[in-house]
Amino acid sequence: MADINIDDFAREMTDMIREYTEDVSAAIDAEVDNTAIKVLKEVKRLARKRSGEYARTFVITNKSLPGNRKYVVWNKKHYRRVHLLEYGHAKVGGGRVRAYPHLDPAHRRYGLTMPDRIKRIIENGG
């Protein structure tokens, strides 16, 4: 069995842990970026398309802070209309306008499964 200095061992372990952390952090950041893009594409695909302008005006906004990656998918031009189309609304003369869900299905498809994908990234070391 080879003799190893405890200081060398500690340094080597620290380097290995740092490398693992950097790899996992980069992979998680990439997963969050890819998920935001997938959600945006799905929202645009599911959005109601009369003229197509409503669907085209959805954007991703980066709300990240150091150590906290966060994106918001929203409609830049018609943000007041989103909840009316997503959930439907009452008509002036009575009755209701049907809902056209587009944000919630995209979030359920990609956003809710992201913790499982991140867990796999951590288990696999990046």
N, C-alpha and C. Protein backbone atom coordinates (compact mmCIF):
# COMPACT_ATOMS: atom_id res chain seq x y z
N MET A 1 0.85 -1.17 0.00
CA MET A 1 0.00 0.00 0.00
C MET A 1 0.89 1.23 0.00
N ALA A 2 0.60 2.19 -0.85
CA ALA A 2 1.41 3.39 -0.98
C ALA A 2 1.12 4.35 0.16
N ASP A 3 2.20 4.99 0.60
CA ASP A 3 2.05 6.02 1.63
C ASP A 3 1.65 7.33 0.95
N ILE A 4 0.65 7.99 1.51
CA ILE A 4 0.21 9.27 0.96
C ILE A 4 0.11 10.28 2.09
N ASN A 5 0.55 11.45 1.79
CA ASN A 5 0.51 12.53 2.77
C ASN A 5 -0.93 12.97 2.95
N ILE A 6 -1.33 13.22 4.19
CA ILE A 6 -2.72 13.61 4.47
C ILE A 6 -3.06 14.95 3.83
N ASP A 7 -2.09 15.85 3.72
CA ASP A 7 -2.34 17.15 3.08
C ASP A 7 -2.62 16.96 1.58
N ASP A 8 -1.88 16.06 0.95
CA ASP A 8 -2.11 15.78 -0.47
C ASP A 8 -3.48 15.14 -0.69
N PHE A 9 -3.85 14.26 0.22
CA PHE A 9 -5.15 13.61 0.13
C PHE A 9 -6.28 14.63 0.27
N ALA A 10 -6.16 15.51 1.25
CA ALA A 10 -7.18 16.54 1.48
C ALA A 10 -7.29 17.46 0.27
N ARG A 11 -6.18 17.84 -0.31
CA ARG A 11 -6.17 18.72 -1.48
C ARG A 11 -6.82 18.03 -2.68
N GLU A 12 -6.48 16.76 -2.86
CA GLU A 12 -7.05 16.00 -3.97
C GLU A 12 -8.57 15.83 -3.82
N MET A 13 -9.01 15.53 -2.61
CA MET A 13 -10.45 15.41 -2.35
C MET A 13 -11.17 16.73 -2.60
N THR A 14 -10.57 17.82 -2.16
CA THR A 14 -11.16 19.15 -2.37
C THR A 14 -11.28 19.46 -3.86
N ASP A 15 -10.25 19.14 -4.62
CA ASP A 15 -10.28 19.37 -6.07
C ASP A 15 -11.37 18.53 -6.74
N MET A 16 -11.49 17.28 -6.32
CA MET A 16 -12.49 16.40 -6.91
C MET A 16 -13.91 16.89 -6.60
N ILE A 17 -14.13 17.33 -5.37
CA ILE A 17 -15.45 17.84 -4.98
C ILE A 17 -15.77 19.13 -5.73
N ARG A 18 -14.78 19.99 -5.89
CA ARG A 18 -14.98 21.24 -6.63
C ARG A 18 -15.33 20.95 -8.09
N GLU A 19 -14.63 20.00 -8.69
CA GLU A 19 -14.90 19.64 -10.08
C GLU A 19 -16.31 19.06 -10.23
N TYR A 20 -16.70 18.18 -9.30
CA TYR A 20 -18.04 17.60 -9.32
C TYR A 20 -19.10 18.71 -9.21
N THR A 21 -18.89 19.63 -8.29
CA THR A 21 -19.84 20.73 -8.06
C THR A 21 -19.97 21.61 -9.29
N GLU A 22 -18.86 21.92 -9.92
CA GLU A 22 -18.90 22.76 -11.13
C GLU A 22 -19.61 22.04 -12.27
N ASP A 23 -19.33 20.75 -12.43
CA ASP A 23 -19.99 19.97 -13.49
C ASP A 23 -21.50 19.90 -13.27
N VAL A 24 -21.91 19.61 -12.04
CA VAL A 24 -23.33 19.51 -11.72
C VAL A 24 -24.01 20.86 -11.88
N SER A 25 -23.36 21.91 -11.42
CA SER A 25 -23.94 23.25 -11.53
C SER A 25 -24.13 23.65 -12.99
N ALA A 26 -23.15 23.38 -13.83
CA ALA A 26 -23.27 23.71 -15.25
C ALA A 26 -24.37 22.90 -15.91
N ALA A 27 -24.50 21.63 -15.56
CA ALA A 27 -25.53 20.78 -16.15
C ALA A 27 -26.93 21.22 -15.70
N ILE A 28 -27.07 21.61 -14.44
CA ILE A 28 -28.36 22.09 -13.95
C ILE A 28 -28.73 23.40 -14.64
N ASP A 29 -27.78 24.31 -14.78
CA ASP A 29 -28.04 25.56 -15.49
C ASP A 29 -28.50 25.30 -16.92
N ALA A 30 -27.84 24.37 -17.60
CA ALA A 30 -28.23 24.03 -18.96
C ALA A 30 -29.62 23.42 -19.00
N GLU A 31 -29.95 22.58 -18.02
CA GLU A 31 -31.29 21.97 -17.96
C GLU A 31 -32.37 23.02 -17.75
N VAL A 32 -32.11 23.99 -16.87
CA VAL A 32 -33.08 25.06 -16.63
C VAL A 32 -33.26 25.89 -17.90
N ASP A 33 -32.16 26.21 -18.58
CA ASP A 33 -32.24 26.98 -19.83
C ASP A 33 -33.05 26.22 -20.88
N ASN A 34 -32.77 24.94 -21.05
CA ASN A 34 -33.48 24.13 -22.04
C ASN A 34 -34.96 23.99 -21.70
N THR A 35 -35.27 23.84 -20.42
CA THR A 35 -36.67 23.73 -20.00
C THR A 35 -37.42 25.01 -20.29
N ALA A 36 -36.81 26.16 -20.04
CA ALA A 36 -37.47 27.44 -20.32
C ALA A 36 -37.76 27.57 -21.82
N ILE A 37 -36.83 27.17 -22.64
CA ILE A 37 -37.03 27.24 -24.10
C ILE A 37 -38.14 26.29 -24.53
N LYS A 38 -38.17 25.07 -23.96
CA LYS A 38 -39.22 24.11 -24.30
C LYS A 38 -40.59 24.63 -23.88
N VAL A 39 -40.67 25.23 -22.70
CA VAL A 39 -41.96 25.78 -22.23
C VAL A 39 -42.41 26.89 -23.17
N LEU A 40 -41.50 27.77 -23.56
CA LEU A 40 -41.85 28.86 -24.47
C LEU A 40 -42.38 28.32 -25.80
N LYS A 41 -41.70 27.34 -26.36
CA LYS A 41 -42.15 26.76 -27.63
C LYS A 41 -43.52 26.10 -27.49
N GLU A 42 -43.73 25.41 -26.38
CA GLU A 42 -45.02 24.75 -26.15
C GLU A 42 -46.13 25.78 -25.96
N VAL A 43 -45.87 26.85 -25.24
CA VAL A 43 -46.87 27.90 -25.04
C VAL A 43 -47.23 28.53 -26.39
N LYS A 44 -46.23 28.81 -27.20
CA LYS A 44 -46.49 29.40 -28.51
C LYS A 44 -47.29 28.42 -29.39
N ARG A 45 -47.02 27.14 -29.26
CA ARG A 45 -47.73 26.15 -30.05
C ARG A 45 -49.19 26.02 -29.62
N LEU A 46 -49.43 26.09 -28.30
CA LEU A 46 -50.79 25.91 -27.77
C LEU A 46 -51.62 27.18 -27.74
N ALA A 47 -50.98 28.34 -27.86
CA ALA A 47 -51.71 29.61 -27.76
C ALA A 47 -52.70 29.75 -28.91
N ARG A 48 -53.77 30.45 -28.63
CA ARG A 48 -54.80 30.69 -29.65
C ARG A 48 -54.22 31.52 -30.78
N LYS A 49 -54.52 31.12 -32.01
CA LYS A 49 -53.92 31.78 -33.16
C LYS A 49 -54.99 32.31 -34.10
N ARG A 50 -55.50 33.47 -33.78
CA ARG A 50 -56.41 34.13 -34.73
C ARG A 50 -55.58 34.79 -35.81
N SER A 51 -54.78 35.77 -35.40
CA SER A 51 -53.87 36.42 -36.36
C SER A 51 -52.44 35.91 -36.17
N GLY A 52 -52.19 35.28 -35.02
CA GLY A 52 -50.85 34.78 -34.72
C GLY A 52 -50.02 35.72 -33.89
N GLU A 53 -50.47 36.97 -33.74
CA GLU A 53 -49.69 37.96 -32.99
C GLU A 53 -49.61 37.59 -31.50
N TYR A 54 -50.70 37.11 -30.94
CA TYR A 54 -50.71 36.75 -29.52
C TYR A 54 -49.64 35.71 -29.22
N ALA A 55 -49.58 34.68 -30.02
CA ALA A 55 -48.60 33.61 -29.79
C ALA A 55 -47.18 34.10 -30.02
N ARG A 56 -46.98 34.95 -31.01
CA ARG A 56 -45.62 35.45 -31.32
C ARG A 56 -45.05 36.34 -30.23
N THR A 57 -45.89 36.97 -29.43
CA THR A 57 -45.39 37.95 -28.46
C THR A 57 -45.03 37.34 -27.11
N PHE A 58 -45.05 36.01 -26.99
CA PHE A 58 -44.55 35.37 -25.76
C PHE A 58 -43.03 35.41 -25.77
N VAL A 59 -42.44 35.72 -24.62
CA VAL A 59 -40.99 35.83 -24.49
C VAL A 59 -40.54 35.18 -23.18
N ILE A 60 -39.24 34.97 -23.08
CA ILE A 60 -38.61 34.50 -21.84
C ILE A 60 -37.86 35.68 -21.25
N THR A 61 -38.06 35.92 -19.95
CA THR A 61 -37.31 36.95 -19.24
C THR A 61 -36.45 36.28 -18.18
N ASN A 62 -35.19 36.64 -18.15
CA ASN A 62 -34.25 36.08 -17.19
C ASN A 62 -34.37 36.84 -15.88
N LYS A 63 -34.77 36.15 -14.82
CA LYS A 63 -34.90 36.73 -13.48
C LYS A 63 -33.89 36.10 -12.53
N SER A 64 -32.76 35.67 -13.07
CA SER A 64 -31.77 34.96 -12.28
C SER A 64 -31.01 35.88 -11.34
N LEU A 65 -30.64 35.32 -10.21
CA LEU A 65 -29.74 35.94 -9.26
C LEU A 65 -28.55 35.00 -9.11
N PRO A 66 -27.44 35.46 -8.56
CA PRO A 66 -26.31 34.55 -8.39
C PRO A 66 -26.70 33.31 -7.58
N GLY A 67 -26.49 32.15 -8.18
CA GLY A 67 -26.81 30.89 -7.52
C GLY A 67 -28.28 30.50 -7.61
N ASN A 68 -29.08 31.26 -8.33
CA ASN A 68 -30.52 30.99 -8.43
C ASN A 68 -30.97 31.27 -9.85
N ARG A 69 -31.05 30.23 -10.68
CA ARG A 69 -31.43 30.38 -12.08
C ARG A 69 -32.95 30.41 -12.17
N LYS A 70 -33.52 31.46 -12.79
CA LYS A 70 -34.96 31.60 -12.87
C LYS A 70 -35.35 32.33 -14.15
N TYR A 71 -36.35 31.78 -14.84
CA TYR A 71 -36.88 32.39 -16.05
C TYR A 71 -38.39 32.53 -15.91
N VAL A 72 -38.94 33.55 -16.57
CA VAL A 72 -40.38 33.76 -16.59
C VAL A 72 -40.81 33.78 -18.05
N VAL A 73 -41.81 32.97 -18.38
CA VAL A 73 -42.39 32.98 -19.71
C VAL A 73 -43.66 33.82 -19.62
N TRP A 74 -43.73 34.88 -20.42
CA TRP A 74 -44.88 35.78 -20.36
C TRP A 74 -45.12 36.43 -21.71
N ASN A 75 -46.26 37.08 -21.85
CA ASN A 75 -46.61 37.73 -23.09
C ASN A 75 -46.28 39.21 -22.97
N LYS A 76 -45.34 39.65 -23.76
CA LYS A 76 -44.82 41.01 -23.66
C LYS A 76 -45.84 42.07 -24.05
N LYS A 77 -46.67 41.78 -25.02
CA LYS A 77 -47.61 42.79 -25.52
C LYS A 77 -49.02 42.60 -24.96
N HIS A 78 -49.46 41.37 -24.80
CA HIS A 78 -50.84 41.10 -24.40
C HIS A 78 -50.90 40.45 -23.02
N TYR A 79 -50.11 40.94 -22.08
CA TYR A 79 -50.04 40.31 -20.76
C TYR A 79 -51.36 40.40 -20.00
N ARG A 80 -52.19 41.40 -20.28
CA ARG A 80 -53.48 41.52 -19.60
C ARG A 80 -54.49 40.49 -20.12
N ARG A 81 -54.26 39.99 -21.30
CA ARG A 81 -55.19 39.07 -21.95
C ARG A 81 -54.91 37.61 -21.59
N VAL A 82 -53.73 37.33 -21.08
CA VAL A 82 -53.32 35.93 -20.88
C VAL A 82 -54.28 35.19 -19.97
N HIS A 83 -54.61 35.74 -18.80
CA HIS A 83 -55.48 35.00 -17.88
C HIS A 83 -56.90 34.86 -18.43
N LEU A 84 -57.35 35.80 -19.25
CA LEU A 84 -58.68 35.69 -19.85
C LEU A 84 -58.74 34.51 -20.81
N LEU A 85 -57.70 34.34 -21.61
CA LEU A 85 -57.67 33.22 -22.55
C LEU A 85 -57.36 31.90 -21.85
N GLU A 86 -56.50 31.94 -20.85
CA GLU A 86 -56.10 30.72 -20.14
C GLU A 86 -57.28 30.10 -19.40
N TYR A 87 -58.10 30.92 -18.73
CA TYR A 87 -59.16 30.40 -17.86
C TYR A 87 -60.57 30.72 -18.35
N GLY A 88 -60.72 31.48 -19.42
CA GLY A 88 -62.04 31.90 -19.87
C GLY A 88 -62.51 33.08 -19.03
N HIS A 89 -63.61 33.70 -19.43
CA HIS A 89 -64.12 34.85 -18.68
C HIS A 89 -65.59 35.05 -18.98
N ALA A 90 -66.26 35.87 -18.14
CA ALA A 90 -67.68 36.15 -18.30
C ALA A 90 -67.89 37.16 -19.43
N LYS A 91 -68.99 36.99 -20.15
CA LYS A 91 -69.37 37.95 -21.19
C LYS A 91 -70.18 39.07 -20.57
N VAL A 92 -70.21 40.21 -21.23
CA VAL A 92 -70.96 41.35 -20.72
C VAL A 92 -72.45 41.02 -20.65
N GLY A 93 -73.00 40.38 -21.67
CA GLY A 93 -74.43 40.08 -21.71
C GLY A 93 -74.80 38.77 -21.03
N GLY A 94 -73.90 38.16 -20.33
CA GLY A 94 -74.16 36.87 -19.69
C GLY A 94 -73.47 35.74 -20.44
N GLY A 95 -73.26 34.67 -19.75
CA GLY A 95 -72.57 33.54 -20.35
C GLY A 95 -71.06 33.62 -20.13
N ARG A 96 -70.37 32.70 -20.72
CA ARG A 96 -68.91 32.65 -20.55
C ARG A 96 -68.23 32.41 -21.88
N VAL A 97 -67.01 32.90 -21.97
CA VAL A 97 -66.15 32.64 -23.11
C VAL A 97 -65.29 31.43 -22.74
N ARG A 98 -65.16 30.50 -23.65
CA ARG A 98 -64.42 29.27 -23.33
C ARG A 98 -62.94 29.57 -23.09
N ALA A 99 -62.31 28.72 -22.30
CA ALA A 99 -60.89 28.84 -21.98
C ALA A 99 -60.04 28.20 -23.07
N TYR A 100 -58.86 28.77 -23.30
CA TYR A 100 -57.87 28.21 -24.21
C TYR A 100 -56.58 28.00 -23.42
N PRO A 101 -56.50 26.91 -22.64
CA PRO A 101 -55.32 26.69 -21.81
C PRO A 101 -54.06 26.55 -22.67
N HIS A 102 -53.02 27.29 -22.29
CA HIS A 102 -51.75 27.19 -23.01
C HIS A 102 -50.56 27.28 -22.06
N LEU A 103 -50.63 28.08 -21.02
CA LEU A 103 -49.52 28.17 -20.07
C LEU A 103 -49.47 26.96 -19.13
N ASP A 104 -50.60 26.62 -18.55
CA ASP A 104 -50.63 25.52 -17.58
C ASP A 104 -50.22 24.18 -18.20
N PRO A 105 -50.73 23.81 -19.38
CA PRO A 105 -50.27 22.54 -19.97
C PRO A 105 -48.77 22.50 -20.25
N ALA A 106 -48.21 23.62 -20.69
CA ALA A 106 -46.77 23.67 -20.95
C ALA A 106 -45.98 23.52 -19.65
N HIS A 107 -46.45 24.19 -18.60
CA HIS A 107 -45.78 24.09 -17.30
C HIS A 107 -45.87 22.66 -16.77
N ARG A 108 -47.03 22.04 -16.89
CA ARG A 108 -47.19 20.66 -16.40
C ARG A 108 -46.31 19.69 -17.18
N ARG A 109 -46.17 19.91 -18.47
CA ARG A 109 -45.41 18.98 -19.29
C ARG A 109 -43.91 19.07 -19.01
N TYR A 110 -43.38 20.26 -18.85
CA TYR A 110 -41.93 20.42 -18.71
C TYR A 110 -41.49 20.88 -17.32
N GLY A 111 -42.21 21.81 -16.73
CA GLY A 111 -41.80 22.38 -15.45
C GLY A 111 -41.90 21.42 -14.29
N LEU A 112 -42.97 20.65 -14.24
CA LEU A 112 -43.17 19.75 -13.10
C LEU A 112 -42.25 18.54 -13.13
N THR A 113 -41.71 18.19 -14.28
CA THR A 113 -40.78 17.05 -14.36
C THR A 113 -39.32 17.48 -14.21
N MET A 114 -39.08 18.78 -14.15
CA MET A 114 -37.70 19.26 -14.04
C MET A 114 -37.00 18.80 -12.76
N PRO A 115 -37.65 18.77 -11.58
CA PRO A 115 -36.94 18.27 -10.39
C PRO A 115 -36.41 16.84 -10.55
N ASP A 116 -37.14 15.99 -11.25
CA ASP A 116 -36.66 14.62 -11.49
C ASP A 116 -35.42 14.62 -12.38
N ARG A 117 -35.44 15.47 -13.41
CA ARG A 117 -34.27 15.55 -14.30
C ARG A 117 -33.06 16.13 -13.55
N ILE A 118 -33.29 17.09 -12.68
CA ILE A 118 -32.18 17.66 -11.90
C ILE A 118 -31.65 16.61 -10.93
N LYS A 119 -32.53 15.82 -10.34
CA LYS A 119 -32.08 14.75 -9.44
C LYS A 119 -31.18 13.76 -10.17
N ARG A 120 -31.57 13.42 -11.42
CA ARG A 120 -30.74 12.51 -12.23
C ARG A 120 -29.38 13.13 -12.54
N ILE A 121 -29.36 14.42 -12.80
CA ILE A 121 -28.09 15.12 -13.07
C ILE A 121 -27.18 15.02 -11.86
N ILE A 122 -27.73 15.26 -10.68
CA ILE A 122 -26.92 15.21 -9.45
C ILE A 122 -26.41 13.79 -9.19
N GLU A 123 -27.27 12.81 -9.40
CA GLU A 123 -26.85 11.41 -9.18
C GLU A 123 -25.76 10.98 -10.15
N ASN A 124 -25.83 11.48 -11.40
CA ASN A 124 -24.86 11.10 -12.41
C ASN A 124 -23.61 11.98 -12.40
N GLY A 125 -23.58 12.98 -11.58
CA GLY A 125 -22.40 13.83 -11.47
C GLY A 125 -22.25 14.82 -12.61
N GLY A 126 -23.35 15.23 -13.19
CA GLY A 126 -23.29 16.24 -14.25
C GLY A 126 -23.61 15.65 -15.51
